Amino acid sequence: MALTRLPGSKWWIETDDATGEIIGSYNKAQITADIQAIKNTLLQYPDPTQDAKDVGLALNAVANAGLTAEKSARVSALVNAMYQSYQGDVRQVEAAQLQARLDALITLRERLV
């Protein structure tokens, strides 16, 4: 795939090397604006890395709470089940999709030299 900048503009055209067909057109300024908008939107979502750390801290607290082995295992299983359910929440799925879109746009912007 070849990227060609249209002279005197902020537009890029991507063409198939084999067929010469246009397979995409990109405006670098718009891509940069989209990247910033997605980053701003992701700030409104929970941070998956921080969530995982928090669950780890909760599990560690349960393990060190002086509970019987049976009760500790039961509470740990409950925390893990709640976290797995939380990860399937619509907002978590949306955040993952936004992150994937952000990564793709950043990669594309880096190709537009």
PDB file of N, CA and C in Angstrom:
ATOM      1  N   MET A   1       0.820  -1.161   0.000  1.00  0.00           N
ATOM      2  CA  MET A   1       0.000   0.000   0.000  1.00  0.00           C
ATOM      3  C   MET A   1       0.881   1.249   0.000  1.00  0.00           C
ATOM      4  N   ALA A   2       0.555   2.164  -0.873  1.00  0.00           N
ATOM      5  CA  ALA A   2       1.335   3.394  -0.994  1.00  0.00           C
ATOM      6  C   ALA A   2       0.504   4.586  -0.543  1.00  0.00           C
ATOM      7  N   LEU A   3       1.137   5.465   0.209  1.00  0.00           N
ATOM      8  CA  LEU A   3       0.492   6.703   0.646  1.00  0.00           C
ATOM      9  C   LEU A   3       1.086   7.862  -0.137  1.00  0.00           C
ATOM     10  N   THR A   4       0.215   8.686  -0.685  1.00  0.00           N
ATOM     11  CA  THR A   4       0.653   9.837  -1.467  1.00  0.00           C
ATOM     12  C   THR A   4      -0.049  11.077  -0.940  1.00  0.00           C
ATOM     13  N   ARG A   5       0.742  12.113  -0.670  1.00  0.00           N
ATOM     14  CA  ARG A   5       0.154  13.369  -0.218  1.00  0.00           C
ATOM     15  C   ARG A   5      -0.250  14.177  -1.435  1.00  0.00           C
ATOM     16  N   LEU A   6      -1.461  14.682  -1.394  1.00  0.00           N
ATOM     17  CA  LEU A   6      -1.921  15.536  -2.484  1.00  0.00           C
ATOM     18  C   LEU A   6      -1.234  16.886  -2.347  1.00  0.00           C
ATOM     19  N   PRO A   7      -0.620  17.348  -3.411  1.00  0.00           N
ATOM     20  CA  PRO A   7       0.140  18.611  -3.339  1.00  0.00           C
ATOM     21  C   PRO A   7      -0.722  19.775  -2.863  1.00  0.00           C
ATOM     22  N   GLY A   8      -0.153  20.555  -1.933  1.00  0.00           N
ATOM     23  CA  GLY A   8      -0.828  21.748  -1.437  1.00  0.00           C
ATOM     24  C   GLY A   8      -2.015  21.485  -0.529  1.00  0.00           C
ATOM     25  N   SER A   9      -2.134  20.269  -0.004  1.00  0.00           N
ATOM     26  CA  SER A   9      -3.271  19.979   0.872  1.00  0.00           C
ATOM     27  C   SER A   9      -2.817  19.129   2.054  1.00  0.00           C
ATOM     28  N   LYS A  10      -3.761  18.887   2.958  1.00  0.00           N
ATOM     29  CA  LYS A  10      -3.496  18.037   4.112  1.00  0.00           C
ATOM     30  C   LYS A  10      -4.081  16.644   3.904  1.00  0.00           C
ATOM     31  N   TRP A  11      -4.385  16.323   2.691  1.00  0.00           N
ATOM     32  CA  TRP A  11      -4.993  15.031   2.369  1.00  0.00           C
ATOM     33  C   TRP A  11      -3.958  14.059   1.836  1.00  0.00           C
ATOM     34  N   TRP A  12      -4.137  12.810   2.211  1.00  0.00           N
ATOM     35  CA  TRP A  12      -3.308  11.713   1.764  1.00  0.00           C
ATOM     36  C   TRP A  12      -4.216  10.678   1.116  1.00  0.00           C
ATOM     37  N   ILE A  13      -3.724  10.052   0.072  1.00  0.00           N
ATOM     38  CA  ILE A  13      -4.459   8.999  -0.625  1.00  0.00           C
ATOM     39  C   ILE A  13      -3.651   7.710  -0.508  1.00  0.00           C
ATOM     40  N   GLU A  14      -4.329   6.639  -0.115  1.00  0.00           N
ATOM     41  CA  GLU A  14      -3.683   5.330  -0.038  1.00  0.00           C
ATOM     42  C   GLU A  14      -4.148   4.503  -1.218  1.00  0.00           C
ATOM     43  N   THR A  15      -3.193   3.959  -1.953  1.00  0.00           N
ATOM     44  CA  THR A  15      -3.524   3.161  -3.134  1.00  0.00           C
ATOM     45  C   THR A  15      -2.950   1.756  -3.002  1.00  0.00           C
ATOM     46  N   ASP A  16      -3.630   0.837  -3.623  1.00  0.00           N
ATOM     47  CA  ASP A  16      -3.181  -0.548  -3.676  1.00  0.00           C
ATOM     48  C   ASP A  16      -2.048  -0.624  -4.689  1.00  0.00           C
ATOM     49  N   ASP A  17      -0.903  -1.155  -4.283  1.00  0.00           N
ATOM     50  CA  ASP A  17       0.255  -1.241  -5.177  1.00  0.00           C
ATOM     51  C   ASP A  17      -0.017  -2.096  -6.408  1.00  0.00           C
ATOM     52  N   ALA A  18      -0.773  -3.155  -6.247  1.00  0.00           N
ATOM     53  CA  ALA A  18      -1.008  -4.084  -7.351  1.00  0.00           C
ATOM     54  C   ALA A  18      -2.028  -3.546  -8.352  1.00  0.00           C
ATOM     55  N   THR A  19      -3.122  -2.984  -7.859  1.00  0.00           N
ATOM     56  CA  THR A  19      -4.202  -2.570  -8.762  1.00  0.00           C
ATOM     57  C   THR A  19      -4.222  -1.073  -9.041  1.00  0.00           C
ATOM     58  N   GLY A  20      -3.569  -0.289  -8.193  1.00  0.00           N
ATOM     59  CA  GLY A  20      -3.586   1.153  -8.357  1.00  0.00           C
ATOM     60  C   GLY A  20      -4.879   1.801  -7.880  1.00  0.00           C
ATOM     61  N   GLU A  21      -5.767   1.006  -7.309  1.00  0.00           N
ATOM     62  CA  GLU A  21      -7.043   1.533  -6.831  1.00  0.00           C
ATOM     63  C   GLU A  21      -6.855   2.295  -5.523  1.00  0.00           C
ATOM     64  N   ILE A  22      -7.657   3.347  -5.346  1.00  0.00           N
ATOM     65  CA  ILE A  22      -7.656   4.097  -4.095  1.00  0.00           C
ATOM     66  C   ILE A  22      -8.398   3.272  -3.054  1.00  0.00           C
ATOM     67  N   ILE A  23      -7.728   3.042  -1.923  1.00  0.00           N
ATOM     68  CA  ILE A  23      -8.365   2.257  -0.864  1.00  0.00           C
ATOM     69  C   ILE A  23      -8.622   3.087   0.386  1.00  0.00           C
ATOM     70  N   GLY A  24      -8.141   4.318   0.396  1.00  0.00           N
ATOM     71  CA  GLY A  24      -8.398   5.183   1.538  1.00  0.00           C
ATOM     72  C   GLY A  24      -7.936   6.590   1.279  1.00  0.00           C
ATOM     73  N   SER A  25      -8.625   7.535   1.916  1.00  0.00           N
ATOM     74  CA  SER A  25      -8.191   8.933   1.870  1.00  0.00           C
ATOM     75  C   SER A  25      -8.207   9.451   3.291  1.00  0.00           C
ATOM     76  N   TYR A  26      -7.174  10.202   3.645  1.00  0.00           N
ATOM     77  CA  TYR A  26      -6.987  10.609   5.028  1.00  0.00           C
ATOM     78  C   TYR A  26      -6.606  12.085   5.105  1.00  0.00           C
ATOM     79  N   ASN A  27      -7.155  12.754   6.081  1.00  0.00           N
ATOM     80  CA  ASN A  27      -6.814  14.136   6.384  1.00  0.00           C
ATOM     81  C   ASN A  27      -6.069  14.113   7.713  1.00  0.00           C
ATOM     82  N   LYS A  28      -4.788  14.471   7.675  1.00  0.00           N
ATOM     83  CA  LYS A  28      -3.948  14.351   8.869  1.00  0.00           C
ATOM     84  C   LYS A  28      -4.467  15.216  10.011  1.00  0.00           C
ATOM     85  N   ALA A  29      -4.950  16.406   9.724  1.00  0.00           N
ATOM     86  CA  ALA A  29      -5.480  17.270  10.774  1.00  0.00           C
ATOM     87  C   ALA A  29      -6.702  16.635  11.432  1.00  0.00           C
ATOM     88  N   GLN A  30      -7.551  16.006  10.648  1.00  0.00           N
ATOM     89  CA  GLN A  30      -8.744  15.358  11.192  1.00  0.00           C
ATOM     90  C   GLN A  30      -8.364  14.138  12.030  1.00  0.00           C
ATOM     91  N   ILE A  31      -7.371  13.410  11.573  1.00  0.00           N
ATOM     92  CA  ILE A  31      -6.906  12.239  12.335  1.00  0.00           C
ATOM     93  C   ILE A  31      -6.354  12.688  13.685  1.00  0.00           C
ATOM     94  N   THR A  32      -5.583  13.762  13.692  1.00  0.00           N
ATOM     95  CA  THR A  32      -5.032  14.287  14.943  1.00  0.00           C
ATOM     96  C   THR A  32      -6.155  14.742  15.872  1.00  0.00           C
ATOM     97  N   ALA A  33      -7.169  15.394  15.322  1.00  0.00           N
ATOM     98  CA  ALA A  33      -8.319  15.828  16.131  1.00  0.00           C
ATOM     99  C   ALA A  33      -9.077  14.623  16.688  1.00  0.00           C
ATOM    100  N   ASP A  34      -9.245  13.584  15.875  1.00  0.00           N
ATOM    101  CA  ASP A  34      -9.921  12.364  16.335  1.00  0.00           C
ATOM    102  C   ASP A  34      -9.141  11.698  17.467  1.00  0.00           C
ATOM    103  N   ILE A  35      -7.823  11.678  17.349  1.00  0.00           N
ATOM    104  CA  ILE A  35      -6.973  11.093  18.387  1.00  0.00           C
ATOM    105  C   ILE A  35      -7.180  11.835  19.706  1.00  0.00           C
ATOM    106  N   GLN A  36      -7.177  13.159  19.642  1.00  0.00           N
ATOM    107  CA  GLN A  36      -7.357  13.945  20.866  1.00  0.00           C
ATOM    108  C   GLN A  36      -8.753  13.741  21.453  1.00  0.00           C
ATOM    109  N   ALA A  37      -9.763  13.671  20.599  1.00  0.00           N
ATOM    110  CA  ALA A  37     -11.134  13.458  21.082  1.00  0.00           C
ATOM    111  C   ALA A  37     -11.273  12.107  21.775  1.00  0.00           C
ATOM    112  N   ILE A  38     -10.665  11.080  21.206  1.00  0.00           N
ATOM    113  CA  ILE A  38     -10.731   9.744  21.823  1.00  0.00           C
ATOM    114  C   ILE A  38      -9.984   9.746  23.153  1.00  0.00           C
ATOM    115  N   LYS A  39      -8.815  10.393  23.193  1.00  0.00           N
ATOM    116  CA  LYS A  39      -8.075  10.467  24.454  1.00  0.00           C
ATOM    117  C   LYS A  39      -8.912  11.157  25.528  1.00  0.00           C
ATOM    118  N   ASN A  40      -9.585  12.250  25.161  1.00  0.00           N
ATOM    119  CA  ASN A  40     -10.431  12.968  26.120  1.00  0.00           C
ATOM    120  C   ASN A  40     -11.593  12.094  26.585  1.00  0.00           C
ATOM    121  N   THR A  41     -12.179  11.340  25.670  1.00  0.00           N
ATOM    122  CA  THR A  41     -13.291  10.456  26.018  1.00  0.00           C
ATOM    123  C   THR A  41     -12.825   9.350  26.946  1.00  0.00           C
ATOM    124  N   LEU A  42     -11.663   8.776  26.675  1.00  0.00           N
ATOM    125  CA  LEU A  42     -11.145   7.692  27.512  1.00  0.00           C
ATOM    126  C   LEU A  42     -10.866   8.142  28.943  1.00  0.00           C
ATOM    127  N   LEU A  43     -10.635   9.433  29.148  1.00  0.00           N
ATOM    128  CA  LEU A  43     -10.427   9.942  30.505  1.00  0.00           C
ATOM    129  C   LEU A  43     -11.694   9.808  31.353  1.00  0.00           C
ATOM    130  N   GLN A  44     -12.843   9.679  30.701  1.00  0.00           N
ATOM    131  CA  GLN A  44     -14.112   9.545  31.410  1.00  0.00           C
ATOM    132  C   GLN A  44     -14.411   8.091  31.778  1.00  0.00           C
ATOM    133  N   TYR A  45     -13.621   7.173  31.279  1.00  0.00           N
ATOM    134  CA  TYR A  45     -13.818   5.748  31.542  1.00  0.00           C
ATOM    135  C   TYR A  45     -12.851   5.294  32.635  1.00  0.00           C
ATOM    136  N   PRO A  46     -13.212   4.221  33.335  1.00  0.00           N
ATOM    137  CA  PRO A  46     -12.273   3.674  34.326  1.00  0.00           C
ATOM    138  C   PRO A  46     -10.993   3.196  33.640  1.00  0.00           C
ATOM    139  N   ASP A  47      -9.890   3.294  34.345  1.00  0.00           N
ATOM    140  CA  ASP A  47      -8.591   2.859  33.831  1.00  0.00           C
ATOM    141  C   ASP A  47      -8.439   1.362  34.110  1.00  0.00           C
ATOM    142  N   PRO A  48      -8.393   0.520  33.062  1.00  0.00           N
ATOM    143  CA  PRO A  48      -8.313  -0.935  33.278  1.00  0.00           C
ATOM    144  C   PRO A  48      -7.068  -1.358  34.058  1.00  0.00           C
ATOM    145  N   THR A  49      -5.963  -0.670  33.846  1.00  0.00           N
ATOM    146  CA  THR A  49      -4.739  -1.018  34.568  1.00  0.00           C
ATOM    147  C   THR A  49      -4.908  -0.739  36.061  1.00  0.00           C
ATOM    148  N   GLN A  50      -5.491   0.408  36.378  1.00  0.00           N
ATOM    149  CA  GLN A  50      -5.710   0.743  37.779  1.00  0.00           C
ATOM    150  C   GLN A  50      -6.733  -0.191  38.406  1.00  0.00           C
ATOM    151  N   ASP A  51      -7.783  -0.536  37.646  1.00  0.00           N
ATOM    152  CA  ASP A  51      -8.778  -1.482  38.151  1.00  0.00           C
ATOM    153  C   ASP A  51      -8.137  -2.815  38.516  1.00  0.00           C
ATOM    154  N   ALA A  52      -7.262  -3.315  37.649  1.00  0.00           N
ATOM    155  CA  ALA A  52      -6.596  -4.596  37.908  1.00  0.00           C
ATOM    156  C   ALA A  52      -5.719  -4.504  39.156  1.00  0.00           C
ATOM    157  N   LYS A  53      -5.033  -3.372  39.316  1.00  0.00           N
ATOM    158  CA  LYS A  53      -4.214  -3.191  40.519  1.00  0.00           C
ATOM    159  C   LYS A  53      -5.090  -3.170  41.763  1.00  0.00           C
ATOM    160  N   ASP A  54      -6.225  -2.478  41.673  1.00  0.00           N
ATOM    161  CA  ASP A  54      -7.124  -2.389  42.829  1.00  0.00           C
ATOM    162  C   ASP A  54      -7.682  -3.754  43.217  1.00  0.00           C
ATOM    163  N   VAL A  55      -8.022  -4.559  42.232  1.00  0.00           N
ATOM    164  CA  VAL A  55      -8.518  -5.908  42.521  1.00  0.00           C
ATOM    165  C   VAL A  55      -7.407  -6.737  43.163  1.00  0.00           C
ATOM    166  N   GLY A  56      -6.197  -6.578  42.661  1.00  0.00           N
ATOM    167  CA  GLY A  56      -5.062  -7.271  43.272  1.00  0.00           C
ATOM    168  C   GLY A  56      -4.872  -6.875  44.724  1.00  0.00           C
ATOM    169  N   LEU A  57      -5.020  -5.581  45.018  1.00  0.00           N
ATOM    170  CA  LEU A  57      -4.919  -5.119  46.404  1.00  0.00           C
ATOM    171  C   LEU A  57      -6.034  -5.708  47.265  1.00  0.00           C
ATOM    172  N   ALA A  58      -7.249  -5.775  46.709  1.00  0.00           N
ATOM    173  CA  ALA A  58      -8.374  -6.351  47.452  1.00  0.00           C
ATOM    174  C   ALA A  58      -8.129  -7.823  47.757  1.00  0.00           C
ATOM    175  N   LEU A  59      -7.641  -8.557  46.769  1.00  0.00           N
ATOM    176  CA  LEU A  59      -7.355  -9.979  46.979  1.00  0.00           C
ATOM    177  C   LEU A  59      -6.237 -10.175  47.999  1.00  0.00           C
ATOM    178  N   ASN A  60      -5.240  -9.293  47.953  1.00  0.00           N
ATOM    179  CA  ASN A  60      -4.151  -9.353  48.920  1.00  0.00           C
ATOM    180  C   ASN A  60      -4.669  -9.068  50.326  1.00  0.00           C
ATOM    181  N   ALA A  61      -5.569  -8.098  50.441  1.00  0.00           N
ATOM    182  CA  ALA A  61      -6.152  -7.773  51.749  1.00  0.00           C
ATOM    183  C   ALA A  61      -6.953  -8.953  52.298  1.00  0.00           C
ATOM    184  N   VAL A  62      -7.683  -9.628  51.421  1.00  0.00           N
ATOM    185  CA  VAL A  62      -8.449 -10.808  51.851  1.00  0.00           C
ATOM    186  C   VAL A  62      -7.497 -11.894  52.333  1.00  0.00           C
ATOM    187  N   ALA A  63      -6.416 -12.106  51.584  1.00  0.00           N
ATOM    188  CA  ALA A  63      -5.461 -13.158  51.946  1.00  0.00           C
ATOM    189  C   ALA A  63      -4.784 -12.873  53.287  1.00  0.00           C
ATOM    190  N   ASN A  64      -4.612 -11.587  53.596  1.00  0.00           N
ATOM    191  CA  ASN A  64      -3.913 -11.222  54.830  1.00  0.00           C
ATOM    192  C   ASN A  64      -4.855 -10.791  55.954  1.00  0.00           C
ATOM    193  N   ALA A  65      -6.138 -11.059  55.816  1.00  0.00           N
ATOM    194  CA  ALA A  65      -7.120 -10.602  56.804  1.00  0.00           C
ATOM    195  C   ALA A  65      -7.240 -11.539  58.000  1.00  0.00           C
ATOM    196  N   GLY A  66      -6.525 -12.642  57.996  1.00  0.00           N
ATOM    197  CA  GLY A  66      -6.589 -13.570  59.118  1.00  0.00           C
ATOM    198  C   GLY A  66      -7.838 -14.434  59.103  1.00  0.00           C
ATOM    199  N   LEU A  67      -8.440 -14.597  57.931  1.00  0.00           N
ATOM    200  CA  LEU A  67      -9.631 -15.438  57.804  1.00  0.00           C
ATOM    201  C   LEU A  67      -9.218 -16.896  57.714  1.00  0.00           C
ATOM    202  N   THR A  68     -10.182 -17.781  57.943  1.00  0.00           N
ATOM    203  CA  THR A  68      -9.893 -19.202  57.747  1.00  0.00           C
ATOM    204  C   THR A  68      -9.616 -19.414  56.259  1.00  0.00           C
ATOM    205  N   ALA A  69      -8.926 -20.468  55.929  1.00  0.00           N
ATOM    206  CA  ALA A  69      -8.589 -20.749  54.531  1.00  0.00           C
ATOM    207  C   ALA A  69      -9.845 -20.865  53.683  1.00  0.00           C
ATOM    208  N   GLU A  70     -10.875 -21.502  54.251  1.00  0.00           N
ATOM    209  CA  GLU A  70     -12.127 -21.690  53.517  1.00  0.00           C
ATOM    210  C   GLU A  70     -12.806 -20.349  53.235  1.00  0.00           C
ATOM    211  N   LYS A  71     -12.885 -19.508  54.256  1.00  0.00           N
ATOM    212  CA  LYS A  71     -13.538 -18.205  54.094  1.00  0.00           C
ATOM    213  C   LYS A  71     -12.724 -17.310  53.166  1.00  0.00           C
ATOM    214  N   SER A  72     -11.430 -17.333  53.278  1.00  0.00           N
ATOM    215  CA  SER A  72     -10.563 -16.544  52.413  1.00  0.00           C
ATOM    216  C   SER A  72     -10.747 -16.956  50.947  1.00  0.00           C
ATOM    217  N   ALA A  73     -10.818 -18.254  50.700  1.00  0.00           N
ATOM    218  CA  ALA A  73     -11.023 -18.750  49.337  1.00  0.00           C
ATOM    219  C   ALA A  73     -12.386 -18.325  48.800  1.00  0.00           C
ATOM    220  N   ARG A  74     -13.408 -18.382  49.656  1.00  0.00           N
ATOM    221  CA  ARG A  74     -14.757 -18.007  49.243  1.00  0.00           C
ATOM    222  C   ARG A  74     -14.837 -16.510  48.900  1.00  0.00           C
ATOM    223  N   VAL A  75     -14.257 -15.668  49.738  1.00  0.00           N
ATOM    224  CA  VAL A  75     -14.282 -14.219  49.495  1.00  0.00           C
ATOM    225  C   VAL A  75     -13.444 -13.879  48.264  1.00  0.00           C
ATOM    226  N   SER A  76     -12.300 -14.524  48.108  1.00  0.00           N
ATOM    227  CA  SER A  76     -11.462 -14.291  46.927  1.00  0.00           C
ATOM    228  C   SER A  76     -12.193 -14.689  45.649  1.00  0.00           C
ATOM    229  N   ALA A  77     -12.895 -15.806  45.694  1.00  0.00           N
ATOM    230  CA  ALA A  77     -13.678 -16.246  44.531  1.00  0.00           C
ATOM    231  C   ALA A  77     -14.771 -15.233  44.214  1.00  0.00           C
ATOM    232  N   LEU A  78     -15.397 -14.681  45.240  1.00  0.00           N
ATOM    233  CA  LEU A  78     -16.435 -13.671  45.035  1.00  0.00           C
ATOM    234  C   LEU A  78     -15.853 -12.406  44.403  1.00  0.00           C
ATOM    235  N   VAL A  79     -14.716 -11.940  44.900  1.00  0.00           N
ATOM    236  CA  VAL A  79     -14.070 -10.752  44.330  1.00  0.00           C
ATOM    237  C   VAL A  79     -13.714 -11.006  42.870  1.00  0.00           C
ATOM    238  N   ASN A  80     -13.147 -12.177  42.578  1.00  0.00           N
ATOM    239  CA  ASN A  80     -12.792 -12.501  41.188  1.00  0.00           C
ATOM    240  C   ASN A  80     -14.026 -12.570  40.295  1.00  0.00           C
ATOM    241  N   ALA A  81     -15.112 -13.145  40.779  1.00  0.00           N
ATOM    242  CA  ALA A  81     -16.345 -13.241  39.993  1.00  0.00           C
ATOM    243  C   ALA A  81     -16.918 -11.855  39.723  1.00  0.00           C
ATOM    244  N   MET A  82     -16.891 -10.996  40.730  1.00  0.00           N
ATOM    245  CA  MET A  82     -17.393  -9.629  40.539  1.00  0.00           C
ATOM    246  C   MET A  82     -16.532  -8.882  39.515  1.00  0.00           C
ATOM    247  N   TYR A  83     -15.230  -9.062  39.580  1.00  0.00           N
ATOM    248  CA  TYR A  83     -14.330  -8.381  38.645  1.00  0.00           C
ATOM    249  C   TYR A  83     -14.546  -8.887  37.215  1.00  0.00           C
ATOM    250  N   GLN A  84     -14.732 -10.195  37.057  1.00  0.00           N
ATOM    251  CA  GLN A  84     -14.992 -10.731  35.717  1.00  0.00           C
ATOM    252  C   GLN A  84     -16.300 -10.185  35.162  1.00  0.00           C
ATOM    253  N   SER A  85     -17.302 -10.083  35.994  1.00  0.00           N
ATOM    254  CA  SER A  85     -18.579  -9.519  35.572  1.00  0.00           C
ATOM    255  C   SER A  85     -18.401  -8.055  35.192  1.00  0.00           C
ATOM    256  N   TYR A  86     -17.643  -7.331  35.971  1.00  0.00           N
ATOM    257  CA  TYR A  86     -17.366  -5.910  35.726  1.00  0.00           C
ATOM    258  C   TYR A  86     -16.652  -5.729  34.389  1.00  0.00           C
ATOM    259  N   GLN A  87     -15.735  -6.626  34.064  1.00  0.00           N
ATOM    260  CA  GLN A  87     -14.994  -6.516  32.806  1.00  0.00           C
ATOM    261  C   GLN A  87     -15.894  -6.699  31.592  1.00  0.00           C
ATOM    262  N   GLY A  88     -17.013  -7.371  31.750  1.00  0.00           N
ATOM    263  CA  GLY A  88     -17.951  -7.556  30.642  1.00  0.00           C
ATOM    264  C   GLY A  88     -18.961  -6.433  30.536  1.00  0.00           C
ATOM    265  N   ASP A  89     -18.874  -5.442  31.421  1.00  0.00           N
ATOM    266  CA  ASP A  89     -19.782  -4.303  31.398  1.00  0.00           C
ATOM    267  C   ASP A  89     -19.638  -3.539  30.084  1.00  0.00           C
ATOM    268  N   VAL A  90     -20.723  -2.945  29.648  1.00  0.00           N
ATOM    269  CA  VAL A  90     -20.750  -2.218  28.371  1.00  0.00           C
ATOM    270  C   VAL A  90     -19.671  -1.136  28.325  1.00  0.00           C
ATOM    271  N   ARG A  91     -19.496  -0.413  29.417  1.00  0.00           N
ATOM    272  CA  ARG A  91     -18.484   0.663  29.420  1.00  0.00           C
ATOM    273  C   ARG A  91     -17.068   0.112  29.262  1.00  0.00           C
ATOM    274  N   GLN A  92     -16.819  -1.065  29.813  1.00  0.00           N
ATOM    275  CA  GLN A  92     -15.499  -1.679  29.652  1.00  0.00           C
ATOM    276  C   GLN A  92     -15.266  -2.076  28.199  1.00  0.00           C
ATOM    277  N   VAL A  93     -16.294  -2.622  27.566  1.00  0.00           N
ATOM    278  CA  VAL A  93     -16.199  -3.020  26.157  1.00  0.00           C
ATOM    279  C   VAL A  93     -16.012  -1.782  25.282  1.00  0.00           C
ATOM    280  N   GLU A  94     -16.782  -0.729  25.567  1.00  0.00           N
ATOM    281  CA  GLU A  94     -16.646   0.522  24.807  1.00  0.00           C
ATOM    282  C   GLU A  94     -15.236   1.096  24.952  1.00  0.00           C
ATOM    283  N   ALA A  95     -14.720   1.083  26.166  1.00  0.00           N
ATOM    284  CA  ALA A  95     -13.376   1.609  26.394  1.00  0.00           C
ATOM    285  C   ALA A  95     -12.337   0.815  25.616  1.00  0.00           C
ATOM    286  N   ALA A  96     -12.484  -0.500  25.577  1.00  0.00           N
ATOM    287  CA  ALA A  96     -11.546  -1.334  24.818  1.00  0.00           C
ATOM    288  C   ALA A  96     -11.628  -1.033  23.326  1.00  0.00           C
ATOM    289  N   GLN A  97     -12.846  -0.825  22.827  1.00  0.00           N
ATOM    290  CA  GLN A  97     -13.016  -0.493  21.414  1.00  0.00           C
ATOM    291  C   GLN A  97     -12.416   0.875  21.101  1.00  0.00           C
ATOM    292  N   LEU A  98     -12.634   1.834  21.986  1.00  0.00           N
ATOM    293  CA  LEU A  98     -12.042   3.158  21.789  1.00  0.00           C
ATOM    294  C   LEU A  98     -10.516   3.094  21.804  1.00  0.00           C
ATOM    295  N   GLN A  99      -9.970   2.293  22.699  1.00  0.00           N
ATOM    296  CA  GLN A  99      -8.517   2.164  22.774  1.00  0.00           C
ATOM    297  C   GLN A  99      -7.964   1.545  21.495  1.00  0.00           C
ATOM    298  N   ALA A 100      -8.654   0.546  20.966  1.00  0.00           N
ATOM    299  CA  ALA A 100      -8.217  -0.081  19.709  1.00  0.00           C
ATOM    300  C   ALA A 100      -8.277   0.926  18.560  1.00  0.00           C
ATOM    301  N   ARG A 101      -9.336   1.719  18.520  1.00  0.00           N
ATOM    302  CA  ARG A 101      -9.475   2.756  17.482  1.00  0.00           C
ATOM    303  C   ARG A 101      -8.363   3.793  17.624  1.00  0.00           C
ATOM    304  N   LEU A 102      -8.075   4.192  18.863  1.00  0.00           N
ATOM    305  CA  LEU A 102      -7.000   5.150  19.121  1.00  0.00           C
ATOM    306  C   LEU A 102      -5.662   4.615  18.632  1.00  0.00           C
ATOM    307  N   ASP A 103      -5.371   3.369  18.962  1.00  0.00           N
ATOM    308  CA  ASP A 103      -4.103   2.760  18.530  1.00  0.00           C
ATOM    309  C   ASP A 103      -3.994   2.734  17.008  1.00  0.00           C
ATOM    310  N   ALA A 104      -5.097   2.404  16.327  1.00  0.00           N
ATOM    311  CA  ALA A 104      -5.094   2.358  14.863  1.00  0.00           C
ATOM    312  C   ALA A 104      -4.872   3.753  14.270  1.00  0.00           C
ATOM    313  N   LEU A 105      -5.507   4.764  14.847  1.00  0.00           N
ATOM    314  CA  LEU A 105      -5.332   6.130  14.341  1.00  0.00           C
ATOM    315  C   LEU A 105      -3.916   6.635  14.569  1.00  0.00           C
ATOM    316  N   ILE A 106      -3.338   6.316  15.705  1.00  0.00           N
ATOM    317  CA  ILE A 106      -1.962   6.732  15.974  1.00  0.00           C
ATOM    318  C   ILE A 106      -1.009   6.079  14.983  1.00  0.00           C
ATOM    319  N   THR A 107      -1.217   4.806  14.702  1.00  0.00           N
ATOM    320  CA  THR A 107      -0.389   4.105  13.712  1.00  0.00           C
ATOM    321  C   THR A 107      -0.536   4.747  12.342  1.00  0.00           C
ATOM    322  N   LEU A 108      -1.772   5.055  11.955  1.00  0.00           N
ATOM    323  CA  LEU A 108      -2.015   5.696  10.669  1.00  0.00           C
ATOM    324  C   LEU A 108      -1.355   7.059  10.612  1.00  0.00           C
ATOM    325  N   ARG A 109      -1.501   7.859  11.658  1.00  0.00           N
ATOM    326  CA  ARG A 109      -0.890   9.193  11.669  1.00  0.00           C
ATOM    327  C   ARG A 109       0.627   9.112  11.527  1.00  0.00           C
ATOM    328  N   GLU A 110       1.246   8.100  12.137  1.00  0.00           N
ATOM    329  CA  GLU A 110       2.686   7.937  12.034  1.00  0.00           C
ATOM    330  C   GLU A 110       3.113   7.595  10.605  1.00  0.00           C
ATOM    331  N   ARG A 111       2.214   6.979   9.855  1.00  0.00           N
ATOM    332  CA  ARG A 111       2.528   6.640   8.464  1.00  0.00           C
ATOM    333  C   ARG A 111       2.431   7.868   7.556  1.00  0.00           C
ATOM    334  N   LEU A 112       1.685   8.879   7.985  1.00  0.00           N
ATOM    335  CA  LEU A 112       1.504  10.087   7.166  1.00  0.00           C
ATOM    336  C   LEU A 112       2.649  11.050   7.445  1.00  0.00           C
ATOM    337  N   VAL A 113       3.752  10.842   6.784  1.00  0.00           N
ATOM    338  CA  VAL A 113       4.963  11.636   7.012  1.00  0.00           C
ATOM    339  C   VAL A 113       4.946  12.885   6.162  1.00  0.00           C
TER     340      VAL A 113
END
